[in-house]
Amino acid sequence: ASYLLPYPSEGVQPFLERLLYIHEKEHVDIVIPNLDAELFTF
């Protein structure tokens, strides 16, 4: 499955809320961030 994320530059809260929404649907155990531009936020 795939989901769209807001860019980290849009703010920490929208980013976190989207991840928690995905978690509510998918019960995510682990996230592997792979992009430099998102790592600070993660």
PDB file of all heavy atoms in Angstrom:
ATOM      1  N   ALA A   1       0.860  -1.181   0.000  1.00  0.00           N
ATOM      2  CA  ALA A   1       0.000   0.000   0.000  1.00  0.00           C
ATOM      3  C   ALA A   1       0.896   1.230   0.000  1.00  0.00           C
ATOM      4  O   ALA A   1       2.075   1.152   0.355  1.00  0.00           O
ATOM      5  CB  ALA A   1      -0.920   0.016   1.217  1.00  0.00           C
ATOM      6  N   SER A   2       0.325   2.367  -0.409  1.00  0.00           N
ATOM      7  CA  SER A   2       1.093   3.612  -0.451  1.00  0.00           C
ATOM      8  C   SER A   2       0.235   4.765   0.048  1.00  0.00           C
ATOM      9  O   SER A   2      -0.986   4.779  -0.156  1.00  0.00           O
ATOM     10  CB  SER A   2       1.589   3.902  -1.869  1.00  0.00           C
ATOM     11  OG  SER A   2       2.509   2.919  -2.302  1.00  0.00           O
ATOM     12  N   TYR A   3       0.907   5.738   0.680  1.00  0.00           N
ATOM     13  CA  TYR A   3       0.234   6.911   1.218  1.00  0.00           C
ATOM     14  C   TYR A   3       1.056   8.157   0.907  1.00  0.00           C
ATOM     15  O   TYR A   3       2.295   8.111   0.907  1.00  0.00           O
ATOM     16  CB  TYR A   3       0.062   6.803   2.736  1.00  0.00           C
ATOM     17  CG  TYR A   3      -0.910   5.755   3.193  1.00  0.00           C
ATOM     18  CD1 TYR A   3      -0.528   4.421   3.281  1.00  0.00           C
ATOM     19  CD2 TYR A   3      -2.216   6.105   3.533  1.00  0.00           C
ATOM     20  CE1 TYR A   3      -1.419   3.449   3.697  1.00  0.00           C
ATOM     21  CE2 TYR A   3      -3.122   5.138   3.954  1.00  0.00           C
ATOM     22  CZ  TYR A   3      -2.723   3.810   4.035  1.00  0.00           C
ATOM     23  OH  TYR A   3      -3.619   2.847   4.453  1.00  0.00           O
ATOM     24  N   LEU A   4       0.374   9.263   0.672  1.00  0.00           N
ATOM     25  CA  LEU A   4       1.041  10.541   0.470  1.00  0.00           C
ATOM     26  C   LEU A   4       1.283  11.207   1.825  1.00  0.00           C
ATOM     27  O   LEU A   4       0.443  11.149   2.723  1.00  0.00           O
ATOM     28  CB  LEU A   4       0.195  11.463  -0.404  1.00  0.00           C
ATOM     29  CG  LEU A   4       0.048  11.063  -1.879  1.00  0.00           C
ATOM     30  CD1 LEU A   4      -0.869  12.046  -2.600  1.00  0.00           C
ATOM     31  CD2 LEU A   4       1.410  11.008  -2.566  1.00  0.00           C
ATOM     32  N   LEU A   5       2.444  11.852   1.935  1.00  0.00           N
ATOM     33  CA  LEU A   5       2.803  12.623   3.118  1.00  0.00           C
ATOM     34  C   LEU A   5       2.898  14.097   2.754  1.00  0.00           C
ATOM     35  O   LEU A   5       3.289  14.429   1.627  1.00  0.00           O
ATOM     36  CB  LEU A   5       4.162  12.185   3.678  1.00  0.00           C
ATOM     37  CG  LEU A   5       4.288  10.845   4.392  1.00  0.00           C
ATOM     38  CD1 LEU A   5       5.735  10.631   4.817  1.00  0.00           C
ATOM     39  CD2 LEU A   5       3.374  10.786   5.602  1.00  0.00           C
ATOM     40  N   PRO A   6       2.602  15.006   3.682  1.00  0.00           N
ATOM     41  CA  PRO A   6       2.901  16.420   3.434  1.00  0.00           C
ATOM     42  C   PRO A   6       4.409  16.630   3.533  1.00  0.00           C
ATOM     43  O   PRO A   6       5.099  15.878   4.229  1.00  0.00           O
ATOM     44  CB  PRO A   6       2.173  17.130   4.578  1.00  0.00           C
ATOM     45  CG  PRO A   6       2.140  16.128   5.682  1.00  0.00           C
ATOM     46  CD  PRO A   6       1.997  14.780   5.010  1.00  0.00           C
ATOM     47  N   TYR A   7       4.912  17.629   2.844  1.00  0.00           N
ATOM     48  CA  TYR A   7       6.342  17.917   2.954  1.00  0.00           C
ATOM     49  C   TYR A   7       6.674  18.345   4.373  1.00  0.00           C
ATOM     50  O   TYR A   7       5.894  19.065   5.020  1.00  0.00           O
ATOM     51  CB  TYR A   7       6.743  19.010   1.969  1.00  0.00           C
ATOM     52  CG  TYR A   7       6.781  18.545   0.532  1.00  0.00           C
ATOM     53  CD1 TYR A   7       5.753  18.871  -0.350  1.00  0.00           C
ATOM     54  CD2 TYR A   7       7.834  17.776   0.060  1.00  0.00           C
ATOM     55  CE1 TYR A   7       5.778  18.435  -1.674  1.00  0.00           C
ATOM     56  CE2 TYR A   7       7.870  17.332  -1.251  1.00  0.00           C
ATOM     57  CZ  TYR A   7       6.844  17.668  -2.112  1.00  0.00           C
ATOM     58  OH  TYR A   7       6.871  17.224  -3.413  1.00  0.00           O
ATOM     59  N   PRO A   8       7.821  17.928   4.902  1.00  0.00           N
ATOM     60  CA  PRO A   8       8.211  18.348   6.256  1.00  0.00           C
ATOM     61  C   PRO A   8       8.225  19.861   6.427  1.00  0.00           C
ATOM     62  O   PRO A   8       7.994  20.368   7.531  1.00  0.00           O
ATOM     63  CB  PRO A   8       9.617  17.757   6.413  1.00  0.00           C
ATOM     64  CG  PRO A   8       9.634  16.581   5.486  1.00  0.00           C
ATOM     65  CD  PRO A   8       8.789  16.985   4.316  1.00  0.00           C
ATOM     66  N   SER A   9       8.468  20.592   5.343  1.00  0.00           N
ATOM     67  CA  SER A   9       8.507  22.052   5.414  1.00  0.00           C
ATOM     68  C   SER A   9       7.145  22.657   5.750  1.00  0.00           C
ATOM     69  O   SER A   9       7.053  23.827   6.136  1.00  0.00           O
ATOM     70  CB  SER A   9       9.002  22.631   4.085  1.00  0.00           C
ATOM     71  OG  SER A   9       8.165  22.229   3.014  1.00  0.00           O
ATOM     72  N   GLU A  10       6.073  21.865   5.630  1.00  0.00           N
ATOM     73  CA  GLU A  10       4.736  22.358   5.965  1.00  0.00           C
ATOM     74  C   GLU A  10       4.486  22.393   7.472  1.00  0.00           C
ATOM     75  O   GLU A  10       3.446  22.882   7.919  1.00  0.00           O
ATOM     76  CB  GLU A  10       3.673  21.506   5.268  1.00  0.00           C
ATOM     77  CG  GLU A  10       3.717  21.612   3.745  1.00  0.00           C
ATOM     78  CD  GLU A  10       2.667  20.757   3.068  1.00  0.00           C
ATOM     79  OE1 GLU A  10       1.641  20.460   3.736  1.00  0.00           O
ATOM     80  OE2 GLU A  10       2.856  20.389   1.896  1.00  0.00           O
ATOM     81  N   GLY A  11       5.433  21.852   8.235  1.00  0.00           N
ATOM     82  CA  GLY A  11       5.305  21.895   9.689  1.00  0.00           C
ATOM     83  C   GLY A  11       5.283  20.514  10.317  1.00  0.00           C
ATOM     84  O   GLY A  11       4.864  19.533   9.693  1.00  0.00           O
ATOM     85  N   VAL A  12       5.734  20.467  11.554  1.00  0.00           N
ATOM     86  CA  VAL A  12       5.823  19.193  12.272  1.00  0.00           C
ATOM     87  C   VAL A  12       4.441  18.603  12.538  1.00  0.00           C
ATOM     88  O   VAL A  12       4.226  17.399  12.366  1.00  0.00           O
ATOM     89  CB  VAL A  12       6.596  19.369  13.595  1.00  0.00           C
ATOM     90  CG1 VAL A  12       6.518  18.092  14.440  1.00  0.00           C
ATOM     91  CG2 VAL A  12       8.048  19.721  13.322  1.00  0.00           C
ATOM     92  N   GLN A  13       3.483  19.439  12.936  1.00  0.00           N
ATOM     93  CA  GLN A  13       2.175  18.919  13.346  1.00  0.00           C
ATOM     94  C   GLN A  13       1.417  18.240  12.205  1.00  0.00           C
ATOM     95  O   GLN A  13       0.913  17.113  12.386  1.00  0.00           O
ATOM     96  CB  GLN A  13       1.326  20.039  13.962  1.00  0.00           C
ATOM     97  CG  GLN A  13       0.105  19.540  14.723  1.00  0.00           C
ATOM     98  CD  GLN A  13       0.456  18.604  15.877  1.00  0.00           C
ATOM     99  OE1 GLN A  13       1.504  18.736  16.506  1.00  0.00           O
ATOM    100  NE2 GLN A  13      -0.413  17.639  16.136  1.00  0.00           N
ATOM    101  N   PRO A  14       1.291  18.870  11.014  1.00  0.00           N
ATOM    102  CA  PRO A  14       0.618  18.164   9.909  1.00  0.00           C
ATOM    103  C   PRO A  14       1.326  16.867   9.529  1.00  0.00           C
ATOM    104  O   PRO A  14       0.675  15.868   9.198  1.00  0.00           O
ATOM    105  CB  PRO A  14       0.663  19.175   8.761  1.00  0.00           C
ATOM    106  CG  PRO A  14       0.864  20.497   9.410  1.00  0.00           C
ATOM    107  CD  PRO A  14       1.679  20.243  10.633  1.00  0.00           C
ATOM    108  N   PHE A  15       2.654  16.884   9.594  1.00  0.00           N
ATOM    109  CA  PHE A  15       3.439  15.692   9.277  1.00  0.00           C
ATOM    110  C   PHE A  15       3.133  14.579  10.274  1.00  0.00           C
ATOM    111  O   PHE A  15       2.869  13.428   9.891  1.00  0.00           O
ATOM    112  CB  PHE A  15       4.929  16.063   9.305  1.00  0.00           C
ATOM    113  CG  PHE A  15       5.840  15.032   8.709  1.00  0.00           C
ATOM    114  CD1 PHE A  15       5.995  14.920   7.337  1.00  0.00           C
ATOM    115  CD2 PHE A  15       6.565  14.177   9.529  1.00  0.00           C
ATOM    116  CE1 PHE A  15       6.849  13.967   6.784  1.00  0.00           C
ATOM    117  CE2 PHE A  15       7.412  13.221   8.988  1.00  0.00           C
ATOM    118  CZ  PHE A  15       7.561  13.121   7.614  1.00  0.00           C
ATOM    119  N   LEU A  16       3.146  14.916  11.555  1.00  0.00           N
ATOM    120  CA  LEU A  16       2.871  13.937  12.598  1.00  0.00           C
ATOM    121  C   LEU A  16       1.445  13.414  12.506  1.00  0.00           C
ATOM    122  O   LEU A  16       1.203  12.199  12.612  1.00  0.00           O
ATOM    123  CB  LEU A  16       3.110  14.573  13.970  1.00  0.00           C
ATOM    124  CG  LEU A  16       2.784  13.710  15.188  1.00  0.00           C
ATOM    125  CD1 LEU A  16       3.661  12.467  15.222  1.00  0.00           C
ATOM    126  CD2 LEU A  16       2.953  14.518  16.473  1.00  0.00           C
ATOM    127  N   GLU A  17       0.497  14.309  12.290  1.00  0.00           N
ATOM    128  CA  GLU A  17      -0.902  13.888  12.206  1.00  0.00           C
ATOM    129  C   GLU A  17      -1.124  12.920  11.049  1.00  0.00           C
ATOM    130  O   GLU A  17      -1.892  11.955  11.173  1.00  0.00           O
ATOM    131  CB  GLU A  17      -1.799  15.114  12.067  1.00  0.00           C
ATOM    132  CG  GLU A  17      -1.897  15.941  13.343  1.00  0.00           C
ATOM    133  CD  GLU A  17      -2.695  17.205  13.161  1.00  0.00           C
ATOM    134  OE1 GLU A  17      -3.178  17.450  12.019  1.00  0.00           O
ATOM    135  OE2 GLU A  17      -2.866  17.962  14.140  1.00  0.00           O
ATOM    136  N   ARG A  18      -0.483  13.171   9.920  1.00  0.00           N
ATOM    137  CA  ARG A  18      -0.631  12.270   8.773  1.00  0.00           C
ATOM    138  C   ARG A  18      -0.050  10.890   9.082  1.00  0.00           C
ATOM    139  O   ARG A  18      -0.656   9.857   8.760  1.00  0.00           O
ATOM    140  CB  ARG A  18       0.052  12.877   7.545  1.00  0.00           C
ATOM    141  CG  ARG A  18      -0.048  12.035   6.276  1.00  0.00           C
ATOM    142  CD  ARG A  18      -1.487  11.800   5.857  1.00  0.00           C
ATOM    143  NE  ARG A  18      -1.540  11.100   4.559  1.00  0.00           N
ATOM    144  CZ  ARG A  18      -2.657  10.638   4.024  1.00  0.00           C
ATOM    145  NH1 ARG A  18      -3.815  10.791   4.652  1.00  0.00           N
ATOM    146  NH2 ARG A  18      -2.631  10.029   2.860  1.00  0.00           N
ATOM    147  N   LEU A  19       1.106  10.855   9.731  1.00  0.00           N
ATOM    148  CA  LEU A  19       1.710   9.575  10.094  1.00  0.00           C
ATOM    149  C   LEU A  19       0.832   8.808  11.081  1.00  0.00           C
ATOM    150  O   LEU A  19       0.678   7.584  10.971  1.00  0.00           O
ATOM    151  CB  LEU A  19       3.097   9.804  10.699  1.00  0.00           C
ATOM    152  CG  LEU A  19       4.209  10.176   9.709  1.00  0.00           C
ATOM    153  CD1 LEU A  19       5.461  10.612  10.461  1.00  0.00           C
ATOM    154  CD2 LEU A  19       4.540   8.996   8.796  1.00  0.00           C
ATOM    155  N   LEU A  20       0.230   9.511  12.017  1.00  0.00           N
ATOM    156  CA  LEU A  20      -0.646   8.852  12.984  1.00  0.00           C
ATOM    157  C   LEU A  20      -1.930   8.349  12.320  1.00  0.00           C
ATOM    158  O   LEU A  20      -2.476   7.305  12.715  1.00  0.00           O
ATOM    159  CB  LEU A  20      -0.970   9.810  14.134  1.00  0.00           C
ATOM    160  CG  LEU A  20       0.218  10.165  15.042  1.00  0.00           C
ATOM    161  CD1 LEU A  20      -0.194  11.174  16.102  1.00  0.00           C
ATOM    162  CD2 LEU A  20       0.813   8.916  15.686  1.00  0.00           C
ATOM    163  N   TYR A  21      -2.398   9.066  11.293  1.00  0.00           N
ATOM    164  CA  TYR A  21      -3.550   8.596  10.524  1.00  0.00           C
ATOM    165  C   TYR A  21      -3.193   7.287   9.796  1.00  0.00           C
ATOM    166  O   TYR A  21      -3.976   6.320   9.804  1.00  0.00           O
ATOM    167  CB  TYR A  21      -3.971   9.655   9.513  1.00  0.00           C
ATOM    168  CG  TYR A  21      -4.922   9.138   8.450  1.00  0.00           C
ATOM    169  CD1 TYR A  21      -6.275   8.977   8.714  1.00  0.00           C
ATOM    170  CD2 TYR A  21      -4.449   8.796   7.171  1.00  0.00           C
ATOM    171  CE1 TYR A  21      -7.144   8.483   7.745  1.00  0.00           C
ATOM    172  CE2 TYR A  21      -5.307   8.306   6.201  1.00  0.00           C
ATOM    173  CZ  TYR A  21      -6.650   8.154   6.485  1.00  0.00           C
ATOM    174  OH  TYR A  21      -7.496   7.661   5.523  1.00  0.00           O
ATOM    175  N   ILE A  22      -2.020   7.267   9.162  1.00  0.00           N
ATOM    176  CA  ILE A  22      -1.574   6.048   8.472  1.00  0.00           C
ATOM    177  C   ILE A  22      -1.426   4.906   9.477  1.00  0.00           C
ATOM    178  O   ILE A  22      -1.807   3.758   9.205  1.00  0.00           O
ATOM    179  CB  ILE A  22      -0.247   6.313   7.738  1.00  0.00           C
ATOM    180  CG1 ILE A  22      -0.457   7.358   6.632  1.00  0.00           C
ATOM    181  CG2 ILE A  22       0.322   5.028   7.147  1.00  0.00           C
ATOM    182  CD1 ILE A  22       0.833   7.896   6.028  1.00  0.00           C
ATOM    183  N   HIS A  23      -0.907   5.237  10.651  1.00  0.00           N
ATOM    184  CA  HIS A  23      -0.732   4.224  11.695  1.00  0.00           C
ATOM    185  C   HIS A  23      -2.087   3.663  12.148  1.00  0.00           C
ATOM    186  O   HIS A  23      -2.234   2.454  12.380  1.00  0.00           O
ATOM    187  CB  HIS A  23      -0.003   4.846  12.887  1.00  0.00           C
ATOM    188  CG  HIS A  23       0.203   3.919  14.037  1.00  0.00           C
ATOM    189  ND1 HIS A  23       0.786   2.676  13.911  1.00  0.00           N
ATOM    190  CD2 HIS A  23      -0.101   4.055  15.369  1.00  0.00           C
ATOM    191  CE1 HIS A  23       0.841   2.088  15.095  1.00  0.00           C
ATOM    192  NE2 HIS A  23       0.297   2.901  15.989  1.00  0.00           N
ATOM    193  N   GLU A  24      -3.087   4.522  12.249  1.00  0.00           N
ATOM    194  CA  GLU A  24      -4.420   4.082  12.656  1.00  0.00           C
ATOM    195  C   GLU A  24      -5.000   3.085  11.664  1.00  0.00           C
ATOM    196  O   GLU A  24      -5.679   2.124  12.047  1.00  0.00           O
ATOM    197  CB  GLU A  24      -5.341   5.301  12.774  1.00  0.00           C
ATOM    198  CG  GLU A  24      -6.738   4.982  13.275  1.00  0.00           C
ATOM    199  CD  GLU A  24      -7.622   6.218  13.389  1.00  0.00           C
ATOM    200  OE1 GLU A  24      -7.077   7.339  13.347  1.00  0.00           O
ATOM    201  OE2 GLU A  24      -8.853   6.053  13.500  1.00  0.00           O
ATOM    202  N   LYS A  25      -4.691   3.283  10.384  1.00  0.00           N
ATOM    203  CA  LYS A  25      -5.223   2.394   9.350  1.00  0.00           C
ATOM    204  C   LYS A  25      -4.379   1.134   9.179  1.00  0.00           C
ATOM    205  O   LYS A  25      -4.907   0.055   8.891  1.00  0.00           O
ATOM    206  CB  LYS A  25      -5.304   3.136   8.013  1.00  0.00           C
ATOM    207  CG  LYS A  25      -6.288   4.288   7.991  1.00  0.00           C
ATOM    208  CD  LYS A  25      -6.649   4.684   6.569  1.00  0.00           C
ATOM    209  CE  LYS A  25      -7.433   3.589   5.877  1.00  0.00           C
ATOM    210  NZ  LYS A  25      -7.916   3.999   4.539  1.00  0.00           N
ATOM    211  N   GLU A  26      -3.046   1.279   9.322  1.00  0.00           N
ATOM    212  CA  GLU A  26      -2.145   0.186   8.960  1.00  0.00           C
ATOM    213  C   GLU A  26      -1.468  -0.495  10.154  1.00  0.00           C
ATOM    214  O   GLU A  26      -0.830  -1.528   9.973  1.00  0.00           O
ATOM    215  CB  GLU A  26      -1.055   0.716   8.013  1.00  0.00           C
ATOM    216  CG  GLU A  26      -1.582   1.203   6.671  1.00  0.00           C
ATOM    217  CD  GLU A  26      -2.006   0.073   5.746  1.00  0.00           C
ATOM    218  OE1 GLU A  26      -1.750  -1.107   6.072  1.00  0.00           O
ATOM    219  OE2 GLU A  26      -2.590   0.368   4.691  1.00  0.00           O
ATOM    220  N   HIS A  27      -1.546   0.112  11.338  1.00  0.00           N
ATOM    221  CA  HIS A  27      -0.868  -0.434  12.523  1.00  0.00           C
ATOM    222  C   HIS A  27       0.634  -0.616  12.248  1.00  0.00           C
ATOM    223  O   HIS A  27       1.186  -1.707  12.365  1.00  0.00           O
ATOM    224  CB  HIS A  27      -1.502  -1.761  12.957  1.00  0.00           C
ATOM    225  CG  HIS A  27      -2.980  -1.673  13.169  1.00  0.00           C
ATOM    226  ND1 HIS A  27      -3.544  -0.968  14.229  1.00  0.00           N
ATOM    227  CD2 HIS A  27      -4.034  -2.159  12.447  1.00  0.00           C
ATOM    228  CE1 HIS A  27      -4.859  -1.052  14.162  1.00  0.00           C
ATOM    229  NE2 HIS A  27      -5.193  -1.757  13.102  1.00  0.00           N
ATOM    230  N   VAL A  28       1.258   0.485  11.883  1.00  0.00           N
ATOM    231  CA  VAL A  28       2.679   0.477  11.501  1.00  0.00           C
ATOM    232  C   VAL A  28       3.547   0.142  12.710  1.00  0.00           C
ATOM    233  O   VAL A  28       3.394   0.717  13.789  1.00  0.00           O
ATOM    234  CB  VAL A  28       3.089   1.848  10.930  1.00  0.00           C
ATOM    235  CG1 VAL A  28       4.586   1.886  10.620  1.00  0.00           C
ATOM    236  CG2 VAL A  28       2.270   2.172   9.683  1.00  0.00           C
ATOM    237  N   ASP A  29       4.467  -0.798  12.526  1.00  0.00           N
ATOM    238  CA  ASP A  29       5.418  -1.157  13.585  1.00  0.00           C
ATOM    239  C   ASP A  29       6.704  -0.346  13.492  1.00  0.00           C
ATOM    240  O   ASP A  29       7.238   0.094  14.512  1.00  0.00           O
ATOM    241  CB  ASP A  29       5.764  -2.651  13.493  1.00  0.00           C
ATOM    242  CG  ASP A  29       4.569  -3.543  13.760  1.00  0.00           C
ATOM    243  OD1 ASP A  29       4.057  -3.522  14.899  1.00  0.00           O
ATOM    244  OD2 ASP A  29       4.144  -4.251  12.827  1.00  0.00           O
ATOM    245  N   ILE A  30       7.185  -0.160  12.260  1.00  0.00           N
ATOM    246  CA  ILE A  30       8.494   0.469  12.061  1.00  0.00           C
ATOM    247  C   ILE A  30       8.436   1.396  10.859  1.00  0.00           C
ATOM    248  O   ILE A  30       7.808   1.070   9.838  1.00  0.00           O
ATOM    249  CB  ILE A  30       9.592  -0.603  11.841  1.00  0.00           C
ATOM    250  CG1 ILE A  30       9.802  -1.409  13.135  1.00  0.00           C
ATOM    251  CG2 ILE A  30      10.913   0.021  11.397  1.00  0.00           C
ATOM    252  CD1 ILE A  30      10.610  -2.653  12.947  1.00  0.00           C
ATOM    253  N   VAL A  31       9.083   2.547  10.970  1.00  0.00           N
ATOM    254  CA  VAL A  31       9.264   3.454   9.837  1.00  0.00           C
ATOM    255  C   VAL A  31      10.752   3.547   9.529  1.00  0.00           C
ATOM    256  O   VAL A  31      11.578   3.698  10.434  1.00  0.00           O
ATOM    257  CB  VAL A  31       8.703   4.859  10.136  1.00  0.00           C
ATOM    258  CG1 VAL A  31       9.043   5.821   9.001  1.00  0.00           C
ATOM    259  CG2 VAL A  31       7.194   4.805  10.333  1.00  0.00           C
ATOM    260  N   ILE A  32      11.089   3.457   8.241  1.00  0.00           N
ATOM    261  CA  ILE A  32      12.477   3.652   7.795  1.00  0.00           C
ATOM    262  C   ILE A  32      12.509   4.888   6.903  1.00  0.00           C
ATOM    263  O   ILE A  32      12.191   4.817   5.713  1.00  0.00           O
ATOM    264  CB  ILE A  32      13.008   2.430   7.019  1.00  0.00           C
ATOM    265  CG1 ILE A  32      12.880   1.152   7.858  1.00  0.00           C
ATOM    266  CG2 ILE A  32      14.471   2.647   6.617  1.00  0.00           C
ATOM    267  CD1 ILE A  32      13.368  -0.100   7.149  1.00  0.00           C
ATOM    268  N   PRO A  33      12.873   6.060   7.457  1.00  0.00           N
ATOM    269  CA  PRO A  33      13.003   7.265   6.633  1.00  0.00           C
ATOM    270  C   PRO A  33      14.282   7.180   5.800  1.00  0.00           C
ATOM    271  O   PRO A  33      15.337   6.783   6.308  1.00  0.00           O
ATOM    272  CB  PRO A  33      13.090   8.398   7.661  1.00  0.00           C
ATOM    273  CG  PRO A  33      12.771   7.778   8.991  1.00  0.00           C
ATOM    274  CD  PRO A  33      13.120   6.342   8.877  1.00  0.00           C
ATOM    275  N   ASN A  34      14.201   7.587   4.538  1.00  0.00           N
ATOM    276  CA  ASN A  34      15.332   7.415   3.632  1.00  0.00           C
ATOM    277  C   ASN A  34      15.779   8.687   2.919  1.00  0.00           C
ATOM    278  O   ASN A  34      16.616   8.620   2.022  1.00  0.00           O
ATOM    279  CB  ASN A  34      14.984   6.358   2.571  1.00  0.00           C
ATOM    280  CG  ASN A  34      14.844   4.975   3.164  1.00  0.00           C
ATOM    281  OD1 ASN A  34      15.762   4.458   3.785  1.00  0.00           O
ATOM    282  ND2 ASN A  34      13.674   4.378   2.997  1.00  0.00           N
ATOM    283  N   LEU A  35      15.230   9.835   3.308  1.00  0.00           N
ATOM    284  CA  LEU A  35      15.562  11.081   2.627  1.00  0.00           C
ATOM    285  C   LEU A  35      16.147  12.086   3.612  1.00  0.00           C
ATOM    286  O   LEU A  35      15.605  12.290   4.703  1.00  0.00           O
ATOM    287  CB  LEU A  35      14.305  11.676   1.969  1.00  0.00           C
ATOM    288  CG  LEU A  35      13.612  10.787   0.934  1.00  0.00           C
ATOM    289  CD1 LEU A  35      12.315  11.422   0.476  1.00  0.00           C
ATOM    290  CD2 LEU A  35      14.527  10.523  -0.256  1.00  0.00           C
ATOM    291  N   ASP A  36      17.249  12.723   3.211  1.00  0.00           N
ATOM    292  CA  ASP A  36      17.915  13.688   4.083  1.00  0.00           C
ATOM    293  C   ASP A  36      16.961  14.774   4.558  1.00  0.00           C
ATOM    294  O   ASP A  36      16.971  15.161   5.731  1.00  0.00           O
ATOM    295  CB  ASP A  36      19.088  14.346   3.343  1.00  0.00           C
ATOM    296  CG  ASP A  36      20.228  13.373   3.070  1.00  0.00           C
ATOM    297  OD1 ASP A  36      20.064  12.169   3.343  1.00  0.00           O
ATOM    298  OD2 ASP A  36      21.277  13.815   2.578  1.00  0.00           O
ATOM    299  N   ALA A  37      16.131  15.288   3.643  1.00  0.00           N
ATOM    300  CA  ALA A  37      15.302  16.448   3.944  1.00  0.00           C
ATOM    301  C   ALA A  37      14.210  16.158   4.976  1.00  0.00           C
ATOM    302  O   ALA A  37      13.632  17.091   5.538  1.00  0.00           O
ATOM    303  CB  ALA A  37      14.670  16.992   2.665  1.00  0.00           C
ATOM    304  N   GLU A  38      13.910  14.896   5.238  1.00  0.00           N
ATOM    305  CA  GLU A  38      12.857  14.551   6.194  1.00  0.00           C
ATOM    306  C   GLU A  38      13.408  14.065   7.530  1.00  0.00           C
ATOM    307  O   GLU A  38      12.673  13.973   8.517  1.00  0.00           O
ATOM    308  CB  GLU A  38      11.956  13.462   5.610  1.00  0.00           C
ATOM    309  CG  GLU A  38      12.662  12.124   5.460  1.00  0.00           C
ATOM    310  CD  GLU A  38      11.840  11.052   4.768  1.00  0.00           C
ATOM    311  OE1 GLU A  38      10.688  11.330   4.367  1.00  0.00           O
ATOM    312  OE2 GLU A  38      12.358   9.928   4.610  1.00  0.00           O
ATOM    313  N   LEU A  39      14.699  13.762   7.569  1.00  0.00           N
ATOM    314  CA  LEU A  39      15.253  13.111   8.754  1.00  0.00           C
ATOM    315  C   LEU A  39      15.177  13.988  10.003  1.00  0.00           C
ATOM    316  O   LEU A  39      14.905  13.502  11.099  1.00  0.00           O
ATOM    317  CB  LEU A  39      16.701  12.688   8.495  1.00  0.00           C
ATOM    318  CG  LEU A  39      16.866  11.380   7.711  1.00  0.00           C
ATOM    319  CD1 LEU A  39      18.333  11.119   7.426  1.00  0.00           C
ATOM    320  CD2 LEU A  39      16.273  10.211   8.466  1.00  0.00           C
ATOM    321  N   PHE A  40      15.432  15.272   9.840  1.00  0.00           N
ATOM    322  CA  PHE A  40      15.371  16.173  10.990  1.00  0.00           C
ATOM    323  C   PHE A  40      13.994  16.104  11.650  1.00  0.00           C
ATOM    324  O   PHE A  40      13.881  16.018  12.876  1.00  0.00           O
ATOM    325  CB  PHE A  40      15.693  17.603  10.553  1.00  0.00           C
ATOM    326  CG  PHE A  40      15.624  18.608  11.664  1.00  0.00           C
ATOM    327  CD1 PHE A  40      16.651  18.723  12.587  1.00  0.00           C
ATOM    328  CD2 PHE A  40      14.520  19.442  11.798  1.00  0.00           C
ATOM    329  CE1 PHE A  40      16.584  19.648  13.622  1.00  0.00           C
ATOM    330  CE2 PHE A  40      14.441  20.377  12.828  1.00  0.00           C
ATOM    331  CZ  PHE A  40      15.486  20.479  13.735  1.00  0.00           C
ATOM    332  N   THR A  41      12.946  16.132  10.825  1.00  0.00           N
ATOM    333  CA  THR A  41      11.587  16.068  11.359  1.00  0.00           C
ATOM    334  C   THR A  41      11.311  14.728  12.023  1.00  0.00           C
ATOM    335  O   THR A  41      10.719  14.661  13.109  1.00  0.00           O
ATOM    336  CB  THR A  41      10.561  16.327  10.244  1.00  0.00           C
ATOM    337  OG1 THR A  41      10.808  17.621   9.671  1.00  0.00           O
ATOM    338  CG2 THR A  41       9.142  16.284  10.778  1.00  0.00           C
ATOM    339  N   PHE A  42      11.746  13.640  11.392  1.00  0.00           N
ATOM    340  CA  PHE A  42      11.524  12.319  11.984  1.00  0.00           C
ATOM    341  C   PHE A  42      12.245  12.177  13.323  1.00  0.00           C
ATOM    342  O   PHE A  42      11.713  11.589  14.274  1.00  0.00           O
ATOM    343  CB  PHE A  42      11.981  11.219  11.019  1.00  0.00           C
ATOM    344  CG  PHE A  42      10.902  10.723  10.102  1.00  0.00           C
ATOM    345  CD1 PHE A  42      10.926  11.005   8.748  1.00  0.00           C
ATOM    346  CD2 PHE A  42       9.856   9.952  10.603  1.00  0.00           C
ATOM    347  CE1 PHE A  42       9.929  10.544   7.896  1.00  0.00           C
ATOM    348  CE2 PHE A  42       8.853   9.481   9.759  1.00  0.00           C
ATOM    349  CZ  PHE A  42       8.887   9.776   8.411  1.00  0.00           C
TER     350      PHE A  42
END
